[in-house]
């Protein structure tokens, strides 16, 4: 990778929700060792595996050379109160499963940031639609269907709190923290 790493922007959730989503992701996301990824112990005393934490991606690939501009915009947008986010359901992704989220404040915040970042948006970031947390991906459709059925049967809607925005360097697999912008 030449030049500055692409930037990822995420929504940060309250610690309790983050922990719960991390545990789901750790239980169901396939282990794929990535150089530099955070190593965490697997269950059952197995050798450790490499995983990203659960996350709500708002932007997948902003240009790293605009780190100062992106950071400035995120700091400005973060000057607001935390807000509620509804956990609304389980979504089948074909080769994985996600948990859907909904919040008018999140939609407005993301729309405003998209306007500010418009010249730099990739096609993927222009097509952003529903916020979600991916708990399983890159598995066979049968494995994904089984988890979707299991999670759907026990799903209970809830409300979690958005506490800020995270900024990350994308290092070709692993992510490295580049900034955190807490809501006031």
Foldseek 3Di string as FASTA:
>chain_A
DDDFFFKWKFFDWDPVVQVVLQVLLLVAADFDADPPADWDCHPPRDGTGGDDGWTWTLADGFPRVCLVVLVVLQQVLLQAAKDKKKFDAKDQPQFFIKTWIDDPVVVVSSVVVCVVRVVGGDPVNVPDDTIITTSYGDHHSVSRVVVRVVCRVPDDMDMIIGFGMWMWGDPPDHTHGDDTHGRD
